[in-house]
Amino acid sequence: MSGIEELRDFYERMPYPPPLTSLHEHRELYKNPERRRATFHLTWPFAPFRENLEILIAGCGTSQAARYAMREPKARVTAIDISETSLRHTRDLQRKYDLRNLELHQLPIERVRDIGRSFDLVVCTGVLHHLPDPDDGLRALRDVMRPKAAMRLMVYAPYGRAGIYMMQEYCRRLGIGASAEELRNLRATIEMLPPTHPVSGVLRNAKDLERSEAMADAFLHPQDRAYTVSEFYAWLDRCGMRFGRWTEQAPYLAQCGVVARSPHVERLAALPSPLQHAAVELFRGTMVSHSCIAYRDDDPDASRIIDFADDKWRDYVPVALPWTVCVRERLPPGSTAVLINRAHRFTDLICAVDCFEDRLLGAIDGRRNLTEILQFAGQGDDANHRARSFFERLWRYDQVVFDASGCAIAGELEAKISFASAARAPSKSSCPDGSTSS
């Protein structure tokens, strides 16, 4: 049995993630249009917001594509997966919610070119690390990206999954299979492990491992590899991709959380970004995955990143991320609030706000740019400096993204090319945090 056939057989027997029967909560979340705008500018900070995207969900699993089609009603969502079982669960959701903007194909990622179209956004999360040759898969996805397209990508990280890999080897040595009885016995065995076993921390943070499909996916998967930060950067580079940013960047930065209090913080901060991120991964020690936004390496505008080195930051429009929360009780001394991004897995990544900063925070409405918000800071160079530092810190801590489409640099970009005018490949007609044409 080839690697692809083995993978298909595994997911036909053990569809993952566990199938959903309702998308009601997801639909309620995305009634707020600012969620879509925030996600867009996380991906394309310098582009004007638009919704009529061509989106590919590569390896969509049981529900990811349906969630994207629901949250992006003006987009055309195409999803592929090798498992007919996963696609069947997706079709059920498609019919239930009348998702007419969703198109499904049973197809391996390596053959994605067969669709005959190109895309503005490619989403591939939790998939490529299971392929026999992840390089082939990533290159195939690159080939169907439009010149200004982006990719949202997630793969496993090794250090936080050390316990999982130990238990995978344990299962291989004992020849443990995926029958209901063997999975029950495996669960009982894992529950007997001492709390100091490396897998225990993973189990505490992964509630879905209580389900048989999740147990099988974690401990019995036939193909599974992980990438350190350094390996991840190298992988993107050799496959013709360019790193954009981590989806949640604060865990990788020397300026955030407990890392900022390290005696080595100045040495860490002085490193080039890839080396800094690799060092902080070692410092933290328990990252289980890496999620990033990447672009084609021949996109000259992919190097345009948010920074505060010159005055263009004054034209940035901060957009608060809707999945962050503001806490105003039991605060550290000198703080009027603490900001927390609920997507962060590390509890040290809290962003404290003082009275001065709280005034600026209250002026964020998704429309005012930083020049306009600075009016709330008072006069003087010191106030401007403190305000700039605060907004840079909000950005580092994943509290805001910036709509930088009003910058002069973005004006050039918009004049040069727009998504709407991107060349479309000849189309063969055929029938949002996720995976198959669900």
Foldseek 3Di string as FASTA:
>chain_A
DDLLVLQQVLCQVQFPPPFDDDCVVLLVVLVPVLQVVQVVCLQVQQAPDDQQWEEEFEFFTQANQVSVLSNRVNYQYEFEHQYPVSVVNLVSSCVVVVSQSFFADNDHLLVPCVQQKATQEYEYEAPLQSGPDSLSNLLSNQVRYFLNHKYKYKAWADQQCVLLVVLLVVCVVVVQDLDPVSLVVSVVVVVPDDCPRSCNVVCVVDVSCVDSSVVCVRRVRPGGDHDQLVRVCVSQVVSQKAFQAFSQHLLQACCFFPSVVDPCSVVLNPDPSSVSSNVSCVVVRNGTMTIGMMHGNPNPCSPDHDDDPDDLQQQWQWRFNPQKDWAQPPDDPQFRIKIDRPVDPDPRGIDGHHPLRVQLVVPRDRPHGNNVSLVSQDDDPVSVVVSVVSVVSCVSSRRIRINSNPGPVSVVVVVVDHPVPTDIGDGDDHRPVGHGSD
